[in-house]
Amino acid sequence: VNVQGNHDWNTSYYFGQCMKAMFSSQINMYVNGGRTALMFGEVSVMFDHGEVKKDYSLLFATEFPKEWASARTREIHLGHFHSEQTKEHKGCTVRHLLSSCRHDDEWHYKEGYIGNRVGVQAFLYNSHRIESIFYE
C-alpha cells in the first residue's frame, strides 16, 4: 500500500507503481474515501496521509469495522508530520512515518522540520504481527 504525500506526489507515485509491479496481491484491501485498510491474516493496517486532526483509532474502528474486529494486531500508518513517532492508542499502534522529501526549503524551515531524518520505511508482517521495520 502506498499513500501519496502532499510534498512528494511524483516520487511516491512511481515508488508505488514499482512496488505494485514487484509484488502480487496477497492481501485483502479496502478503501473508504482517502483512507485504505488492509487485512492479512490477523493483522489489519489502516493508511492515511495524516492531516486529519481526529482520533484515528476511532476512525479505523468506525470506517473499517470488520477489519478492526477480526484483527489481533491493529496498526495505523500516517505521514504528514515528517518525523517518526509511534504510540499505542486505544487498541492499536499509531505510526507517523518519515518523509521521503528533503527538508531544506522555506516551508520546512517555517514549520520547524529542519534537521528531521529523510527516508522511507517498509514493514514486514507475518499473519499475526509485525516482524521487522526496514529503513532506507
N, C-alpha and C. Protein backbone atom coordinates (compact mmCIF):
# COMPACT_ATOMS: atom_id res chain seq x y z
N VAL A 1 0.86 -1.17 0.00
CA VAL A 1 0.00 0.00 0.00
C VAL A 1 0.89 1.22 0.00
N ASN A 2 0.61 2.15 -0.85
CA ASN A 2 1.39 3.37 -0.96
C ASN A 2 0.43 4.55 -0.85
N VAL A 3 0.65 5.41 0.15
CA VAL A 3 -0.18 6.59 0.33
C VAL A 3 0.65 7.80 -0.09
N GLN A 4 0.18 8.50 -1.12
CA GLN A 4 0.93 9.65 -1.60
C GLN A 4 0.85 10.80 -0.61
N GLY A 5 1.98 11.47 -0.42
CA GLY A 5 2.03 12.64 0.45
C GLY A 5 1.73 13.91 -0.32
N ASN A 6 1.75 15.02 0.38
CA ASN A 6 1.45 16.28 -0.28
C ASN A 6 2.70 17.01 -0.76
N HIS A 7 3.89 16.47 -0.52
CA HIS A 7 5.13 17.11 -0.96
C HIS A 7 5.88 16.27 -1.98
N ASP A 8 5.51 15.02 -2.13
CA ASP A 8 6.29 14.12 -2.99
C ASP A 8 5.39 13.28 -3.90
N TRP A 9 4.43 13.94 -4.55
CA TRP A 9 3.46 13.21 -5.37
C TRP A 9 4.14 12.32 -6.40
N ASN A 10 5.08 12.87 -7.15
CA ASN A 10 5.72 12.08 -8.22
C ASN A 10 6.53 10.93 -7.66
N THR A 11 7.37 11.21 -6.66
CA THR A 11 8.21 10.17 -6.08
C THR A 11 7.37 9.05 -5.51
N SER A 12 6.37 9.39 -4.72
CA SER A 12 5.57 8.34 -4.09
C SER A 12 4.72 7.59 -5.12
N TYR A 13 4.26 8.27 -6.17
CA TYR A 13 3.50 7.60 -7.22
C TYR A 13 4.36 6.54 -7.91
N TYR A 14 5.55 6.94 -8.34
CA TYR A 14 6.41 5.99 -9.07
C TYR A 14 6.91 4.87 -8.17
N PHE A 15 7.17 5.19 -6.91
CA PHE A 15 7.55 4.14 -5.96
C PHE A 15 6.41 3.13 -5.83
N GLY A 16 5.19 3.62 -5.70
CA GLY A 16 4.03 2.73 -5.60
C GLY A 16 3.85 1.86 -6.82
N GLN A 17 4.09 2.43 -8.01
CA GLN A 17 3.97 1.65 -9.24
C GLN A 17 5.02 0.54 -9.30
N CYS A 18 6.23 0.85 -8.86
CA CYS A 18 7.29 -0.17 -8.83
C CYS A 18 6.94 -1.29 -7.86
N MET A 19 6.46 -0.92 -6.68
CA MET A 19 6.08 -1.94 -5.69
C MET A 19 4.94 -2.80 -6.21
N LYS A 20 3.98 -2.17 -6.87
CA LYS A 20 2.83 -2.91 -7.42
C LYS A 20 3.29 -3.92 -8.47
N ALA A 21 4.27 -3.52 -9.28
CA ALA A 21 4.78 -4.42 -10.33
C ALA A 21 5.57 -5.58 -9.73
N MET A 22 6.21 -5.35 -8.59
CA MET A 22 7.07 -6.38 -7.99
C MET A 22 6.31 -7.42 -7.17
N PHE A 23 5.23 -7.01 -6.53
CA PHE A 23 4.55 -7.89 -5.59
C PHE A 23 3.13 -8.17 -6.04
N SER A 24 2.75 -9.43 -6.00
CA SER A 24 1.36 -9.78 -6.32
C SER A 24 0.50 -9.49 -5.10
N SER A 25 -0.77 -9.31 -5.31
CA SER A 25 -1.68 -9.00 -4.22
C SER A 25 -2.01 -10.27 -3.45
N GLN A 26 -1.52 -10.35 -2.22
CA GLN A 26 -1.81 -11.48 -1.36
C GLN A 26 -2.58 -11.03 -0.12
N ILE A 27 -3.15 -9.86 -0.20
CA ILE A 27 -3.88 -9.31 0.93
C ILE A 27 -5.24 -8.82 0.47
N ASN A 28 -6.13 -8.63 1.41
CA ASN A 28 -7.43 -8.03 1.12
C ASN A 28 -7.34 -6.55 1.46
N MET A 29 -7.64 -5.68 0.50
CA MET A 29 -7.54 -4.25 0.70
C MET A 29 -8.92 -3.61 0.56
N TYR A 30 -9.20 -2.63 1.43
CA TYR A 30 -10.48 -1.95 1.45
C TYR A 30 -10.22 -0.45 1.41
N VAL A 31 -11.02 0.28 0.64
CA VAL A 31 -10.83 1.72 0.51
C VAL A 31 -12.11 2.43 0.93
N ASN A 32 -11.96 3.48 1.75
CA ASN A 32 -13.09 4.30 2.18
C ASN A 32 -12.65 5.76 2.04
N GLY A 33 -13.06 6.40 0.95
CA GLY A 33 -12.61 7.77 0.71
C GLY A 33 -11.11 7.77 0.50
N GLY A 34 -10.38 8.60 1.24
CA GLY A 34 -8.94 8.68 1.12
C GLY A 34 -8.20 7.68 1.97
N ARG A 35 -8.89 7.02 2.88
CA ARG A 35 -8.23 6.05 3.75
C ARG A 35 -8.33 4.65 3.16
N THR A 36 -7.33 3.84 3.46
CA THR A 36 -7.27 2.47 2.99
C THR A 36 -6.95 1.57 4.17
N ALA A 37 -7.53 0.39 4.18
CA ALA A 37 -7.18 -0.61 5.19
C ALA A 37 -6.87 -1.91 4.48
N LEU A 38 -5.97 -2.67 5.07
CA LEU A 38 -5.69 -3.99 4.52
C LEU A 38 -5.80 -5.00 5.64
N MET A 39 -6.08 -6.22 5.24
CA MET A 39 -6.21 -7.33 6.18
C MET A 39 -5.34 -8.46 5.66
N PHE A 40 -4.45 -8.94 6.50
CA PHE A 40 -3.59 -10.06 6.16
C PHE A 40 -3.53 -10.96 7.38
N GLY A 41 -4.19 -12.11 7.30
CA GLY A 41 -4.27 -12.98 8.47
C GLY A 41 -5.00 -12.26 9.59
N GLU A 42 -4.35 -12.16 10.74
CA GLU A 42 -4.93 -11.47 11.90
C GLU A 42 -4.38 -10.07 12.07
N VAL A 43 -3.79 -9.52 11.01
CA VAL A 43 -3.21 -8.18 11.04
C VAL A 43 -4.06 -7.26 10.18
N SER A 44 -4.42 -6.11 10.73
CA SER A 44 -5.15 -5.09 9.98
C SER A 44 -4.41 -3.77 10.13
N VAL A 45 -4.21 -3.09 9.00
CA VAL A 45 -3.49 -1.81 9.00
C VAL A 45 -4.31 -0.80 8.21
N MET A 46 -4.52 0.37 8.80
CA MET A 46 -5.18 1.47 8.10
C MET A 46 -4.12 2.49 7.70
N PHE A 47 -4.27 3.06 6.52
CA PHE A 47 -3.33 4.04 5.99
C PHE A 47 -4.05 5.35 5.69
N ASP A 48 -3.39 6.46 6.01
CA ASP A 48 -3.91 7.78 5.66
C ASP A 48 -2.74 8.75 5.63
N HIS A 49 -2.91 9.85 4.91
CA HIS A 49 -1.84 10.85 4.88
C HIS A 49 -1.54 11.39 6.27
N GLY A 50 -2.56 11.65 7.08
CA GLY A 50 -2.33 12.02 8.47
C GLY A 50 -2.63 13.45 8.83
N GLU A 51 -3.25 14.20 7.93
CA GLU A 51 -3.52 15.60 8.25
C GLU A 51 -4.82 15.82 9.01
N VAL A 52 -5.65 14.80 9.11
CA VAL A 52 -6.91 14.92 9.83
C VAL A 52 -6.61 14.98 11.32
N LYS A 53 -7.17 15.95 11.99
CA LYS A 53 -6.94 16.11 13.43
C LYS A 53 -8.05 15.41 14.21
N LYS A 54 -8.17 14.13 13.98
CA LYS A 54 -9.22 13.32 14.62
C LYS A 54 -8.59 12.14 15.33
N ASP A 55 -9.41 11.39 16.00
CA ASP A 55 -9.00 10.17 16.66
C ASP A 55 -8.93 9.06 15.61
N TYR A 56 -7.73 8.74 15.16
CA TYR A 56 -7.58 7.75 14.10
C TYR A 56 -8.03 6.36 14.52
N SER A 57 -7.85 6.01 15.78
CA SER A 57 -8.31 4.70 16.24
C SER A 57 -9.82 4.58 16.06
N LEU A 58 -10.55 5.63 16.42
CA LEU A 58 -12.00 5.63 16.26
C LEU A 58 -12.39 5.60 14.78
N LEU A 59 -11.67 6.35 13.94
CA LEU A 59 -11.94 6.32 12.50
C LEU A 59 -11.74 4.91 11.95
N PHE A 60 -10.67 4.27 12.36
CA PHE A 60 -10.39 2.91 11.91
C PHE A 60 -11.54 1.98 12.29
N ALA A 61 -11.92 1.98 13.55
CA ALA A 61 -12.99 1.09 14.03
C ALA A 61 -14.33 1.40 13.38
N THR A 62 -14.59 2.67 13.09
CA THR A 62 -15.87 3.07 12.51
C THR A 62 -15.93 2.81 11.01
N GLU A 63 -14.87 3.17 10.29
CA GLU A 63 -14.89 3.04 8.83
C GLU A 63 -14.59 1.63 8.33
N PHE A 64 -13.87 0.87 9.12
CA PHE A 64 -13.50 -0.50 8.74
C PHE A 64 -13.82 -1.45 9.90
N PRO A 65 -15.09 -1.58 10.28
CA PRO A 65 -15.44 -2.35 11.48
C PRO A 65 -15.08 -3.83 11.42
N LYS A 66 -15.22 -4.46 10.25
CA LYS A 66 -14.89 -5.88 10.15
C LYS A 66 -13.38 -6.11 10.32
N GLU A 67 -12.59 -5.23 9.71
CA GLU A 67 -11.14 -5.36 9.80
C GLU A 67 -10.66 -5.09 11.23
N TRP A 68 -11.28 -4.11 11.88
CA TRP A 68 -10.92 -3.79 13.27
C TRP A 68 -11.26 -4.97 14.19
N ALA A 69 -12.47 -5.48 14.05
CA ALA A 69 -12.96 -6.51 14.97
C ALA A 69 -12.24 -7.85 14.80
N SER A 70 -11.87 -8.19 13.58
CA SER A 70 -11.28 -9.51 13.36
C SER A 70 -9.75 -9.53 13.51
N ALA A 71 -9.15 -8.39 13.76
CA ALA A 71 -7.69 -8.32 13.87
C ALA A 71 -7.20 -8.56 15.29
N ARG A 72 -6.09 -9.26 15.39
CA ARG A 72 -5.39 -9.40 16.66
C ARG A 72 -4.33 -8.29 16.77
N THR A 73 -3.78 -7.90 15.63
CA THR A 73 -2.81 -6.80 15.56
C THR A 73 -3.41 -5.70 14.70
N ARG A 74 -3.49 -4.48 15.25
CA ARG A 74 -4.03 -3.33 14.52
C ARG A 74 -2.97 -2.23 14.48
N GLU A 75 -2.77 -1.66 13.30
CA GLU A 75 -1.83 -0.55 13.16
C GLU A 75 -2.44 0.51 12.26
N ILE A 76 -2.01 1.75 12.49
CA ILE A 76 -2.38 2.87 11.65
C ILE A 76 -1.09 3.53 11.20
N HIS A 77 -0.91 3.68 9.89
CA HIS A 77 0.29 4.30 9.34
C HIS A 77 -0.08 5.66 8.74
N LEU A 78 0.60 6.69 9.22
CA LEU A 78 0.33 8.07 8.82
C LEU A 78 1.62 8.75 8.40
N GLY A 79 1.51 9.77 7.61
CA GLY A 79 2.65 10.61 7.25
C GLY A 79 2.48 11.96 7.89
N HIS A 80 2.56 12.99 7.13
CA HIS A 80 2.23 14.37 7.44
C HIS A 80 3.17 15.08 8.42
N PHE A 81 3.60 14.46 9.50
CA PHE A 81 4.41 15.17 10.49
C PHE A 81 5.90 15.15 10.20
N HIS A 82 6.32 14.44 9.14
CA HIS A 82 7.72 14.45 8.70
C HIS A 82 8.68 13.98 9.79
N SER A 83 8.22 13.13 10.67
CA SER A 83 9.07 12.58 11.71
C SER A 83 8.50 11.23 12.15
N GLU A 84 9.37 10.40 12.68
CA GLU A 84 8.94 9.09 13.13
C GLU A 84 8.42 9.18 14.55
N GLN A 85 7.17 8.77 14.73
CA GLN A 85 6.54 8.77 16.05
C GLN A 85 5.68 7.50 16.14
N THR A 86 5.75 6.81 17.24
CA THR A 86 4.95 5.61 17.43
C THR A 86 4.33 5.65 18.82
N LYS A 87 3.02 5.36 18.88
CA LYS A 87 2.37 5.28 20.19
C LYS A 87 1.26 4.23 20.14
N GLU A 88 1.00 3.67 21.29
CA GLU A 88 -0.13 2.76 21.44
C GLU A 88 -1.34 3.61 21.81
N HIS A 89 -2.46 3.39 21.12
CA HIS A 89 -3.63 4.22 21.36
C HIS A 89 -4.90 3.42 21.11
N LYS A 90 -5.66 3.17 22.15
CA LYS A 90 -6.98 2.53 22.04
C LYS A 90 -6.97 1.25 21.22
N GLY A 91 -6.08 0.36 21.56
CA GLY A 91 -6.09 -0.95 20.92
C GLY A 91 -5.31 -1.09 19.64
N CYS A 92 -4.50 -0.08 19.29
CA CYS A 92 -3.70 -0.21 18.08
C CYS A 92 -2.42 0.61 18.20
N THR A 93 -1.50 0.34 17.31
CA THR A 93 -0.26 1.09 17.23
C THR A 93 -0.42 2.14 16.15
N VAL A 94 -0.20 3.40 16.51
CA VAL A 94 -0.30 4.51 15.56
C VAL A 94 1.12 4.93 15.22
N ARG A 95 1.46 4.86 13.93
CA ARG A 95 2.81 5.20 13.47
C ARG A 95 2.76 6.39 12.52
N HIS A 96 3.47 7.45 12.88
CA HIS A 96 3.74 8.54 11.95
C HIS A 96 5.08 8.22 11.32
N LEU A 97 5.14 8.19 10.00
CA LEU A 97 6.31 7.73 9.28
C LEU A 97 7.19 8.87 8.82
N LEU A 98 8.42 8.52 8.48
CA LEU A 98 9.37 9.50 7.95
C LEU A 98 8.87 10.05 6.63
N SER A 99 9.40 11.19 6.23
CA SER A 99 9.09 11.78 4.94
C SER A 99 10.22 11.50 3.97
N SER A 100 9.88 11.26 2.72
CA SER A 100 10.91 10.99 1.72
C SER A 100 11.38 12.27 1.03
N CYS A 101 10.79 13.41 1.36
CA CYS A 101 11.20 14.65 0.71
C CYS A 101 12.24 15.39 1.56
N ARG A 102 13.07 16.18 0.88
CA ARG A 102 14.10 16.97 1.57
C ARG A 102 13.45 18.03 2.45
N HIS A 103 14.15 18.42 3.49
CA HIS A 103 13.61 19.38 4.45
C HIS A 103 14.42 20.68 4.48
N ASP A 104 14.83 21.16 3.33
CA ASP A 104 15.70 22.33 3.32
C ASP A 104 15.09 23.53 2.58
N ASP A 105 13.76 23.57 2.48
CA ASP A 105 13.13 24.71 1.81
C ASP A 105 12.48 25.64 2.85
N GLU A 106 11.91 26.73 2.37
CA GLU A 106 11.33 27.75 3.26
C GLU A 106 10.18 27.21 4.09
N TRP A 107 9.30 26.39 3.50
CA TRP A 107 8.17 25.85 4.24
C TRP A 107 8.65 25.01 5.41
N HIS A 108 9.59 24.09 5.17
CA HIS A 108 10.10 23.23 6.24
C HIS A 108 10.77 24.06 7.33
N TYR A 109 11.50 25.10 6.93
CA TYR A 109 12.15 25.97 7.91
C TYR A 109 11.09 26.66 8.78
N LYS A 110 10.06 27.22 8.14
CA LYS A 110 8.99 27.92 8.87
C LYS A 110 8.25 26.99 9.82
N GLU A 111 8.01 25.76 9.39
CA GLU A 111 7.27 24.80 10.21
C GLU A 111 8.14 24.10 11.25
N GLY A 112 9.46 24.30 11.19
CA GLY A 112 10.36 23.72 12.18
C GLY A 112 10.77 22.29 11.90
N TYR A 113 10.70 21.85 10.65
CA TYR A 113 11.06 20.48 10.30
C TYR A 113 12.51 20.36 9.83
N ILE A 114 13.30 21.37 9.98
CA ILE A 114 14.71 21.33 9.56
C ILE A 114 15.45 20.32 10.43
N GLY A 115 16.24 19.47 9.79
CA GLY A 115 17.05 18.50 10.52
C GLY A 115 16.38 17.15 10.72
N ASN A 116 15.09 17.03 10.43
CA ASN A 116 14.45 15.72 10.57
C ASN A 116 15.03 14.73 9.56
N ARG A 117 15.07 13.47 9.95
CA ARG A 117 15.57 12.44 9.05
C ARG A 117 14.67 12.33 7.82
N VAL A 118 15.28 12.08 6.69
CA VAL A 118 14.57 11.84 5.44
C VAL A 118 14.71 10.36 5.13
N GLY A 119 13.63 9.73 4.73
CA GLY A 119 13.72 8.33 4.38
C GLY A 119 12.37 7.69 4.18
N VAL A 120 12.43 6.43 3.83
CA VAL A 120 11.21 5.62 3.68
C VAL A 120 11.34 4.41 4.59
N GLN A 121 10.22 3.89 4.97
CA GLN A 121 10.17 2.72 5.83
C GLN A 121 9.33 1.64 5.15
N ALA A 122 9.74 0.41 5.34
CA ALA A 122 8.97 -0.73 4.86
C ALA A 122 8.72 -1.64 6.06
N PHE A 123 7.54 -2.20 6.13
CA PHE A 123 7.13 -3.02 7.27
C PHE A 123 6.87 -4.44 6.80
N LEU A 124 7.42 -5.38 7.51
CA LEU A 124 7.23 -6.79 7.19
C LEU A 124 6.38 -7.41 8.30
N TYR A 125 5.25 -8.00 7.90
CA TYR A 125 4.34 -8.64 8.84
C TYR A 125 4.26 -10.12 8.51
N ASN A 126 4.04 -10.94 9.53
CA ASN A 126 3.58 -12.29 9.26
C ASN A 126 2.06 -12.26 9.45
N SER A 127 1.40 -13.37 9.47
CA SER A 127 -0.07 -13.34 9.55
C SER A 127 -0.59 -12.98 10.95
N HIS A 128 0.31 -12.79 11.93
CA HIS A 128 -0.12 -12.49 13.30
C HIS A 128 0.36 -11.15 13.84
N ARG A 129 1.54 -10.68 13.36
CA ARG A 129 2.12 -9.48 13.95
C ARG A 129 3.22 -8.93 13.06
N ILE A 130 3.76 -7.78 13.45
CA ILE A 130 4.88 -7.19 12.74
C ILE A 130 6.15 -7.98 13.04
N GLU A 131 6.98 -8.16 12.03
CA GLU A 131 8.26 -8.86 12.22
C GLU A 131 9.44 -7.89 12.18
N SER A 132 9.44 -6.98 11.19
CA SER A 132 10.59 -6.11 11.01
C SER A 132 10.17 -4.78 10.40
N ILE A 133 10.98 -3.76 10.67
CA ILE A 133 10.85 -2.46 10.01
C ILE A 133 12.17 -2.19 9.32
N PHE A 134 12.13 -1.85 8.05
CA PHE A 134 13.32 -1.55 7.26
C PHE A 134 13.36 -0.06 6.96
N TYR A 135 14.56 0.50 7.03
CA TYR A 135 14.75 1.93 6.76
C TYR A 135 15.66 2.11 5.56
N GLU A 136 15.36 3.08 4.75
CA GLU A 136 16.22 3.46 3.63
C GLU A 136 16.36 4.97 3.63
